[in-house]
Amino acid sequence: MSARPFTFAELALLESHLLAERRYRDALLIRAGTQVGYRITELLTWSIGQVLTLAGEVAREVTVARALLKGGSGKKKRSIRSRRVVLNEKARAAIRDYIASLDYVPAPDEFLFKSREGGNRPLHRSQAHRILVQACEECGIDTARVSTHSLRKTFVRAVYDASGHDVIKTMKVVQHSSPVITARYLENTESELDDLVLGLAGAPAAPSLAVAF
């Protein structure tokens, strides 16, 4: 069964819980995953040097090299380009808060989502999955169909809504190869579908097709 996106209420609950627990890295994982839209394996490659400028300010954009993107080192790598994304203020604030919470000055080559198992190693995607599921359980959120891909799906849905439901613009933002793939990311709740049908009652009547002779 495919991963589902989070609701805004669920995200607010997760973030407030993690921040209250001072788990800034984990809160950043959720914020970056839903505000930037990188796949989890791409997100976990970020280093301090990628998100901070030489002046120590949080960068306004991040670029992940082609080799680190999905398909970037495979047979079709020539069709894959490095991916640049802008960081909105929510994402930048989360990065700023996390780095400020550290009791040392991290080196530029240190991974942003650093594993606590020792050495300069990033979280593995399985670790990120456990962090997300555990946080959901702690907040009483149903973990059925929750995975790290839920973060990217949440981002896709947010972009789609913000674009006025423009599939093509959404496809370009998330760099899908086809709008069909983007459409698969967009789920409708039962209440949304019910509202759509109920709304027909208030819609203007369709013009008559009768032809007078």
Protein backbone atom coordinates (compact mmCIF):
# COMPACT_ATOMS: atom_id res chain seq x y z
CA MET A 1 0.00 0.00 0.00
CA SER A 2 1.43 3.39 -0.99
CA ALA A 3 2.40 6.09 1.48
CA ARG A 4 -0.12 8.79 2.29
CA PRO A 5 0.45 12.52 2.76
CA PHE A 6 0.11 14.15 6.18
CA THR A 7 -2.65 16.61 6.99
CA PHE A 8 -1.75 20.11 8.16
CA ALA A 9 -3.09 19.24 11.62
CA GLU A 10 -0.86 16.16 11.82
CA LEU A 11 2.21 18.14 10.78
CA ALA A 12 1.52 20.85 13.36
CA LEU A 13 1.14 18.19 16.05
CA LEU A 14 4.34 16.38 15.06
CA GLU A 15 6.43 19.55 14.91
CA SER A 16 5.17 20.97 18.21
CA HIS A 17 5.76 17.61 19.93
CA LEU A 18 9.31 17.24 18.63
CA LEU A 19 10.22 20.83 19.44
CA ALA A 20 8.83 20.47 22.96
CA GLU A 21 11.05 17.39 23.32
CA ARG A 22 13.99 19.43 21.97
CA ARG A 23 14.41 16.95 19.14
CA TYR A 24 15.41 19.63 16.68
CA ARG A 25 17.05 17.32 14.15
CA ASP A 26 13.91 15.21 13.89
CA ALA A 27 11.69 18.29 13.64
CA LEU A 28 13.93 19.57 10.86
CA LEU A 29 13.63 16.25 9.02
CA ILE A 30 9.86 16.65 8.90
CA ARG A 31 9.96 20.36 8.07
CA ALA A 32 12.53 19.98 5.28
CA GLY A 33 10.85 16.90 3.86
CA THR A 34 7.50 18.67 3.53
CA GLN A 35 8.78 22.13 2.55
CA VAL A 36 11.45 21.18 -0.01
CA GLY A 37 10.27 17.92 -1.53
CA TYR A 38 13.49 16.03 -2.02
CA ARG A 39 13.25 12.25 -1.82
CA ILE A 40 14.48 11.02 1.56
CA THR A 41 17.72 9.56 0.17
CA GLU A 42 18.45 12.92 -1.47
CA LEU A 43 17.54 14.93 1.62
CA LEU A 44 19.85 12.90 3.84
CA THR A 45 22.87 13.83 1.68
CA TRP A 46 22.70 17.48 2.76
CA SER A 47 25.79 18.82 4.49
CA ILE A 48 26.25 21.87 6.71
CA GLY A 49 28.20 23.52 3.89
CA GLN A 50 25.21 23.20 1.58
CA VAL A 51 22.76 24.93 3.88
CA LEU A 52 25.01 27.64 5.33
CA THR A 53 26.74 30.44 3.45
CA LEU A 54 30.35 31.42 4.17
CA ALA A 55 28.94 34.24 6.29
CA GLY A 56 27.13 31.70 8.46
CA GLU A 57 23.65 32.55 7.19
CA VAL A 58 21.16 29.90 6.13
CA ALA A 59 21.29 29.55 2.35
CA ARG A 60 18.32 30.46 0.21
CA GLU A 61 18.68 27.42 -2.04
CA VAL A 62 20.25 23.96 -2.03
CA THR A 63 21.56 21.93 -4.96
CA VAL A 64 21.99 18.16 -4.91
CA ALA A 65 24.41 16.74 -7.47
CA ARG A 66 23.14 14.48 -10.23
CA ALA A 67 24.95 11.42 -8.88
CA LEU A 68 23.01 11.67 -5.62
CA LEU A 69 19.59 11.95 -7.25
CA LYS A 70 17.29 9.07 -8.13
CA GLY A 71 18.63 7.54 -11.34
CA GLY A 72 21.60 9.89 -11.35
CA SER A 73 24.19 7.13 -11.39
CA GLY A 74 22.28 4.57 -13.48
CA LYS A 75 22.03 3.82 -17.18
CA LYS A 76 19.87 6.89 -17.80
CA LYS A 77 22.05 9.29 -15.83
CA ARG A 78 22.57 11.52 -18.88
CA SER A 79 18.89 12.44 -18.71
CA ILE A 80 19.18 13.43 -15.03
CA ARG A 81 20.32 16.90 -14.02
CA SER A 82 21.38 18.20 -10.63
CA ARG A 83 18.40 19.57 -8.75
CA ARG A 84 18.24 23.03 -7.23
CA VAL A 85 15.46 23.94 -4.84
CA VAL A 86 14.78 27.20 -3.06
CA LEU A 87 14.35 27.18 0.70
CA ASN A 88 11.30 29.02 1.96
CA GLU A 89 11.36 30.78 5.32
CA LYS A 90 9.82 27.83 7.17
CA ALA A 91 12.60 25.52 6.00
CA ARG A 92 15.30 28.13 6.66
CA ALA A 93 14.00 28.78 10.18
CA ALA A 94 14.04 25.06 10.98
CA ILE A 95 17.65 24.77 9.79
CA ARG A 96 18.60 27.85 11.78
CA ASP A 97 16.98 26.49 14.95
CA TYR A 98 18.60 23.09 14.62
CA ILE A 99 22.12 24.42 14.09
CA ALA A 100 21.64 26.88 16.97
CA SER A 101 20.68 23.96 19.23
CA LEU A 102 24.05 22.24 18.73
CA ASP A 103 26.62 22.67 21.49
CA TYR A 104 29.46 22.97 18.95
CA VAL A 105 30.20 24.60 15.62
CA PRO A 106 29.70 21.96 12.91
CA ALA A 107 32.22 21.63 10.09
CA PRO A 108 31.06 22.36 6.52
CA ASP A 109 31.43 18.71 5.51
CA GLU A 110 29.35 17.42 8.41
CA PHE A 111 26.04 15.89 7.42
CA LEU A 112 23.05 17.95 8.44
CA PHE A 113 21.04 14.88 9.40
CA LYS A 114 23.89 13.24 11.22
CA SER A 115 23.47 9.78 12.70
CA ARG A 116 24.13 9.44 16.42
CA GLU A 117 25.86 6.10 15.92
CA GLY A 118 29.25 7.80 15.73
CA GLY A 119 31.42 9.39 13.07
CA ASN A 120 30.29 11.72 10.33
CA ARG A 121 27.59 9.55 8.85
CA PRO A 122 24.11 10.59 7.73
CA LEU A 123 20.94 8.96 8.95
CA HIS A 124 20.04 5.88 6.95
CA ARG A 125 16.61 5.98 5.36
CA SER A 126 15.53 3.14 7.66
CA GLN A 127 16.53 5.25 10.68
CA ALA A 128 14.58 8.19 9.28
CA HIS A 129 11.57 5.90 8.84
CA ARG A 130 11.75 4.74 12.46
CA ILE A 131 12.02 8.33 13.70
CA LEU A 132 8.94 9.36 11.74
CA VAL A 133 6.82 6.37 12.76
CA GLN A 134 7.83 6.69 16.41
CA ALA A 135 6.92 10.39 16.44
CA CYS A 136 3.52 9.56 14.93
CA GLU A 137 2.91 6.91 17.58
CA GLU A 138 3.83 9.36 20.33
CA CYS A 139 1.34 11.86 18.92
CA GLY A 140 -1.45 9.33 18.46
CA ILE A 141 -1.33 9.59 14.65
CA ASP A 142 -2.36 6.52 12.68
CA THR A 143 0.86 5.04 11.25
CA ALA A 144 -0.87 2.99 8.57
CA ARG A 145 0.64 4.03 5.23
CA VAL A 146 3.09 6.39 6.94
CA SER A 147 6.65 6.31 5.62
CA THR A 148 9.37 8.80 4.73
CA HIS A 149 7.73 9.09 1.31
CA SER A 150 4.76 10.65 3.11
CA LEU A 151 6.92 13.77 3.47
CA ARG A 152 7.41 14.16 -0.28
CA LYS A 153 3.75 13.37 -0.94
CA THR A 154 2.76 16.10 1.51
CA PHE A 155 4.99 18.56 -0.36
CA VAL A 156 3.51 17.58 -3.74
CA ARG A 157 -0.03 18.08 -2.46
CA ALA A 158 0.85 21.46 -0.94
CA VAL A 159 2.40 22.66 -4.22
CA TYR A 160 -0.62 21.40 -6.16
CA ASP A 161 -3.03 23.31 -3.90
CA ALA A 162 -0.88 26.47 -3.94
CA SER A 163 -0.73 26.37 -7.75
CA GLY A 164 -4.49 26.42 -8.07
CA HIS A 165 -4.50 22.70 -8.87
CA ASP A 166 -2.14 23.04 -11.85
CA VAL A 167 -0.69 19.58 -12.48
CA ILE A 168 1.88 20.81 -15.00
CA LYS A 169 3.37 23.42 -12.65
CA THR A 170 3.40 20.88 -9.85
CA MET A 171 5.13 18.34 -12.08
CA LYS A 172 7.85 20.86 -12.94
CA VAL A 173 8.43 21.85 -9.31
CA VAL A 174 8.87 18.26 -8.13
CA GLN A 175 10.68 17.28 -11.36
CA HIS A 176 8.52 14.36 -12.34
CA SER A 177 8.95 13.07 -15.87
CA SER A 178 5.20 13.00 -16.54
CA PRO A 179 2.01 14.59 -15.17
CA VAL A 180 0.66 11.05 -14.86
CA ILE A 181 3.25 10.37 -12.14
CA THR A 182 2.31 13.61 -10.38
CA ALA A 183 -1.37 12.67 -10.49
CA ARG A 184 -0.58 9.43 -8.66
CA TYR A 185 0.79 11.48 -5.75
CA LEU A 186 -2.45 13.43 -5.35
CA GLU A 187 -4.98 11.76 -3.10
CA ASN A 188 -8.51 12.89 -2.40
CA THR A 189 -10.21 12.22 0.89
CA GLU A 190 -13.72 10.77 0.94
CA SER A 191 -15.07 14.04 2.34
CA GLU A 192 -13.50 16.00 -0.54
CA LEU A 193 -15.18 13.75 -3.07
CA ASP A 194 -18.50 13.99 -1.19
CA ASP A 195 -18.25 17.80 -1.18
CA LEU A 196 -17.61 17.77 -4.91
CA VAL A 197 -20.80 15.82 -5.61
CA LEU A 198 -22.87 17.81 -3.11
CA GLY A 199 -21.61 21.03 -4.69
CA LEU A 200 -23.27 20.11 -7.96
CA ALA A 201 -26.64 21.04 -6.44
CA GLY A 202 -25.61 24.67 -6.33
CA ALA A 203 -24.00 24.72 -9.78
CA PRO A 204 -25.73 26.50 -12.69
CA ALA A 205 -27.98 24.22 -14.68
CA ALA A 206 -26.51 22.87 -17.88
CA PRO A 207 -27.89 24.46 -21.07
CA SER A 208 -30.64 22.50 -22.78
CA LEU A 209 -29.60 20.40 -25.74
CA ALA A 210 -33.11 20.32 -27.15
CA VAL A 211 -33.43 21.64 -30.68
CA ALA A 212 -36.58 23.45 -31.69
CA PHE A 213 -38.06 22.51 -35.04
